[in-house]
C-alpha atoms as a PDB file:
ATOM      1  CA  MET A   1     -13.571 -27.605  51.374  1.00  0.00           C
ATOM      2  CA  PHE A   2     -15.146 -28.606  48.059  1.00  0.00           C
ATOM      3  CA  ASN A   3     -17.982 -26.119  48.593  1.00  0.00           C
ATOM      4  CA  THR A   4     -15.563 -23.288  49.326  1.00  0.00           C
ATOM      5  CA  LYS A   5     -13.594 -23.937  46.121  1.00  0.00           C
ATOM      6  CA  THR A   6     -16.786 -24.158  44.092  1.00  0.00           C
ATOM      7  CA  LEU A   7     -18.172 -20.912  45.548  1.00  0.00           C
ATOM      8  CA  LEU A   8     -14.848 -19.103  45.030  1.00  0.00           C
ATOM      9  CA  THR A   9     -14.650 -20.314  41.420  1.00  0.00           C
ATOM     10  CA  ALA A  10     -18.250 -19.283  40.724  1.00  0.00           C
ATOM     11  CA  ALA A  11     -17.692 -15.834  42.248  1.00  0.00           C
ATOM     12  CA  SER A  12     -14.509 -15.209  40.233  1.00  0.00           C
ATOM     13  CA  LEU A  13     -16.247 -16.405  37.064  1.00  0.00           C
ATOM     14  CA  ALA A  14     -19.156 -14.015  37.730  1.00  0.00           C
ATOM     15  CA  ILE A  15     -16.741 -11.089  38.243  1.00  0.00           C
ATOM     16  CA  LEU A  16     -14.779 -11.878  35.077  1.00  0.00           C
ATOM     17  CA  THR A  17     -18.003 -12.200  33.090  1.00  0.00           C
ATOM     18  CA  ALA A  18     -19.298  -8.851  34.358  1.00  0.00           C
ATOM     19  CA  VAL A  19     -15.996  -7.142  33.487  1.00  0.00           C
ATOM     20  CA  GLY A  20     -15.970  -8.768  30.055  1.00  0.00           C
ATOM     21  CA  ILE A  21     -19.492  -7.598  29.262  1.00  0.00           C
ATOM     22  CA  GLY A  22     -18.626  -4.062  30.337  1.00  0.00           C
ATOM     23  CA  SER A  23     -15.592  -3.869  28.076  1.00  0.00           C
ATOM     24  CA  ALA A  24     -17.451  -5.370  25.112  1.00  0.00           C
ATOM     25  CA  SER A  25     -19.866  -2.440  25.081  1.00  0.00           C
ATOM     26  CA  ALA A  26     -17.059   0.117  24.601  1.00  0.00           C
ATOM     27  CA  GLN A  27     -16.964   2.124  21.388  1.00  0.00           C
ATOM     28  CA  PRO A  28     -14.662   0.896  18.617  1.00  0.00           C
ATOM     29  CA  TRP A  29     -11.279   2.496  18.124  1.00  0.00           C
ATOM     30  CA  ASP A  30     -11.391   5.477  15.738  1.00  0.00           C
ATOM     31  CA  ARG A  31      -9.070   4.922  12.787  1.00  0.00           C
ATOM     32  CA  GLY A  32      -9.377   8.424  11.397  1.00  0.00           C
ATOM     33  CA  HIS A  33     -12.305   7.804   9.061  1.00  0.00           C
ATOM     34  CA  ARG A  34     -14.754  10.627   8.640  1.00  0.00           C
ATOM     35  CA  GLY A  35     -17.888   8.562   8.836  1.00  0.00           C
ATOM     36  CA  ASP A  36     -19.459   9.449   5.511  1.00  0.00           C
ATOM     37  CA  ARG A  37     -19.366   6.584   3.052  1.00  0.00           C
ATOM     38  CA  HIS A  38     -18.419   8.615   0.009  1.00  0.00           C
ATOM     39  CA  PHE A  39     -15.305  10.235   1.459  1.00  0.00           C
ATOM     40  CA  ASN A  40     -12.349   9.837  -0.908  1.00  0.00           C
ATOM     41  CA  ASP A  41      -8.859  10.709   0.307  1.00  0.00           C
ATOM     42  CA  HIS A  42      -6.840   9.465  -2.656  1.00  0.00           C
ATOM     43  CA  GLY A  43      -5.814  12.963  -3.762  1.00  0.00           C
ATOM     44  CA  ARG A  44      -2.903  13.201  -1.387  1.00  0.00           C
ATOM     45  CA  TYR A  45      -1.297  10.057  -2.824  1.00  0.00           C
ATOM     46  CA  ASP A  46      -1.725  10.946  -6.507  1.00  0.00           C
ATOM     47  CA  ARG A  47       1.022  13.542  -6.534  1.00  0.00           C
ATOM     48  CA  HIS A  48       4.134  11.422  -6.165  1.00  0.00           C
ATOM     49  CA  HIS A  49       3.553   8.075  -7.774  1.00  0.00           C
ATOM     50  CA  GLY A  50       2.457   6.769 -11.107  1.00  0.00           C
ATOM     51  CA  TYR A  51      -0.310   4.409 -11.807  1.00  0.00           C
ATOM     52  CA  VAL A  52       1.462   1.601 -13.640  1.00  0.00           C
ATOM     53  CA  ASN A  53       3.247  -1.255 -11.966  1.00  0.00           C
ATOM     54  CA  ARG A  54       7.036  -1.126 -12.385  1.00  0.00           C
ATOM     55  CA  MET A  55       7.044  -4.583 -13.950  1.00  0.00           C
ATOM     56  CA  HIS A  56       4.783  -3.238 -16.700  1.00  0.00           C
ATOM     57  CA  VAL A  57       7.391  -0.510 -17.327  1.00  0.00           C
ATOM     58  CA  HIS A  58      10.164  -3.145 -17.532  1.00  0.00           C
ATOM     59  CA  ARG A  59       8.111  -5.190 -20.002  1.00  0.00           C
ATOM     60  CA  SER A  60       7.401  -2.138 -22.156  1.00  0.00           C
ATOM     61  CA  LEU A  61      11.081  -1.215 -22.349  1.00  0.00           C
ATOM     62  CA  ARG A  62      12.094  -4.786 -23.098  1.00  0.00           C
ATOM     63  CA  ASN A  63       9.865  -4.593 -26.182  1.00  0.00           C
ATOM     64  CA  HIS A  64      11.997  -1.623 -27.339  1.00  0.00           C
ATOM     65  CA  ARG A  65      15.222  -3.640 -26.899  1.00  0.00           C
ATOM     66  CA  LEU A  66      16.256  -1.818 -23.748  1.00  0.00           C
ATOM     67  CA  SER A  67      17.566  -3.498 -20.609  1.00  0.00           C
ATOM     68  CA  VAL A  68      16.589  -1.678 -17.431  1.00  0.00           C
ATOM     69  CA  ILE A  69      19.363  -0.999 -14.901  1.00  0.00           C
ATOM     70  CA  SER A  70      17.516   1.161 -12.352  1.00  0.00           C
ATOM     71  CA  GLU A  71      14.112   1.427 -10.766  1.00  0.00           C
ATOM     72  CA  PRO A  72      11.718   3.888 -12.441  1.00  0.00           C
ATOM     73  CA  PHE A  73      11.530   7.207 -10.602  1.00  0.00           C
ATOM     74  CA  PHE A  74       8.901   9.886 -10.914  1.00  0.00           C
ATOM     75  CA  MET A  75      10.066  13.221 -12.346  1.00  0.00           C
ATOM     76  CA  ARG A  76       7.940  16.078 -13.722  1.00  0.00           C
ATOM     77  CA  GLY A  77       4.859  13.957 -14.223  1.00  0.00           C
ATOM     78  CA  ARG A  78       6.597  11.030 -15.940  1.00  0.00           C
ATOM     79  CA  TYR A  79       8.597   7.957 -15.070  1.00  0.00           C
ATOM     80  CA  VAL A  80      12.294   8.181 -15.925  1.00  0.00           C
ATOM     81  CA  VAL A  81      14.313   4.977 -16.207  1.00  0.00           C
ATOM     82  CA  ARG A  82      18.030   4.379 -16.734  1.00  0.00           C
ATOM     83  CA  ALA A  83      18.627   1.626 -19.267  1.00  0.00           C
ATOM     84  CA  HIS A  84      21.125   0.165 -21.725  1.00  0.00           C
ATOM     85  CA  ASP A  85      20.259   0.045 -25.410  1.00  0.00           C
ATOM     86  CA  ARG A  86      21.172  -2.901 -27.626  1.00  0.00           C
ATOM     87  CA  PHE A  87      24.685  -1.507 -28.206  1.00  0.00           C
ATOM     88  CA  GLY A  88      25.370  -1.153 -24.466  1.00  0.00           C
ATOM     89  CA  ARG A  89      25.057   2.647 -24.326  1.00  0.00           C
ATOM     90  CA  LEU A  90      23.492   4.253 -21.269  1.00  0.00           C
ATOM     91  CA  VAL A  91      20.196   5.995 -22.050  1.00  0.00           C
ATOM     92  CA  LEU A  92      17.503   7.699 -20.025  1.00  0.00           C
ATOM     93  CA  VAL A  93      13.972   6.840 -21.086  1.00  0.00           C
ATOM     94  CA  GLN A  94      10.696   8.614 -20.359  1.00  0.00           C
ATOM     95  CA  VAL A  95       7.648   6.421 -19.769  1.00  0.00           C
ATOM     96  CA  ASP A  96       4.029   7.480 -19.426  1.00  0.00           C
ATOM     97  CA  PRO A  97       2.989   6.726 -15.809  1.00  0.00           C
ATOM     98  CA  TYR A  98      -0.663   6.173 -16.700  1.00  0.00           C
ATOM     99  CA  SER A  99      -0.367   3.705 -19.589  1.00  0.00           C
ATOM    100  CA  GLY A 100       3.240   2.501 -19.306  1.00  0.00           C
ATOM    101  CA  ARG A 101       4.006   3.470 -22.919  1.00  0.00           C
ATOM    102  CA  PHE A 102       7.489   4.384 -24.090  1.00  0.00           C
ATOM    103  CA  ILE A 103       7.643   8.154 -24.771  1.00  0.00           C
ATOM    104  CA  ARG A 104      11.217   8.980 -25.766  1.00  0.00           C
ATOM    105  CA  ARG A 105      14.918   8.635 -25.061  1.00  0.00           C
ATOM    106  CA  LEU A 106      16.763  11.463 -23.362  1.00  0.00           C
END
């Protein structure tokens, strides 16, 4: 009985090992990369977002005594932000998306 269990265990281990080796030699899953190292696909993302973190925009507007009330949104190549000035009036502010600088009030 002990020999039968040992032989059955050894045979199943040999089968599992052979199957494991066969699946390890499979080709890796293709993730859509082209294969050339210098391929750059950042152009499709550059159209609709700026380059500055939104917290940098908040900090820049705080330096101009403005309190931000909305998230910056991208419009016509610039960030536009709704904010309150120091008197509590609602203003729209344009911010440069590349440097985060204050451009003007609308």
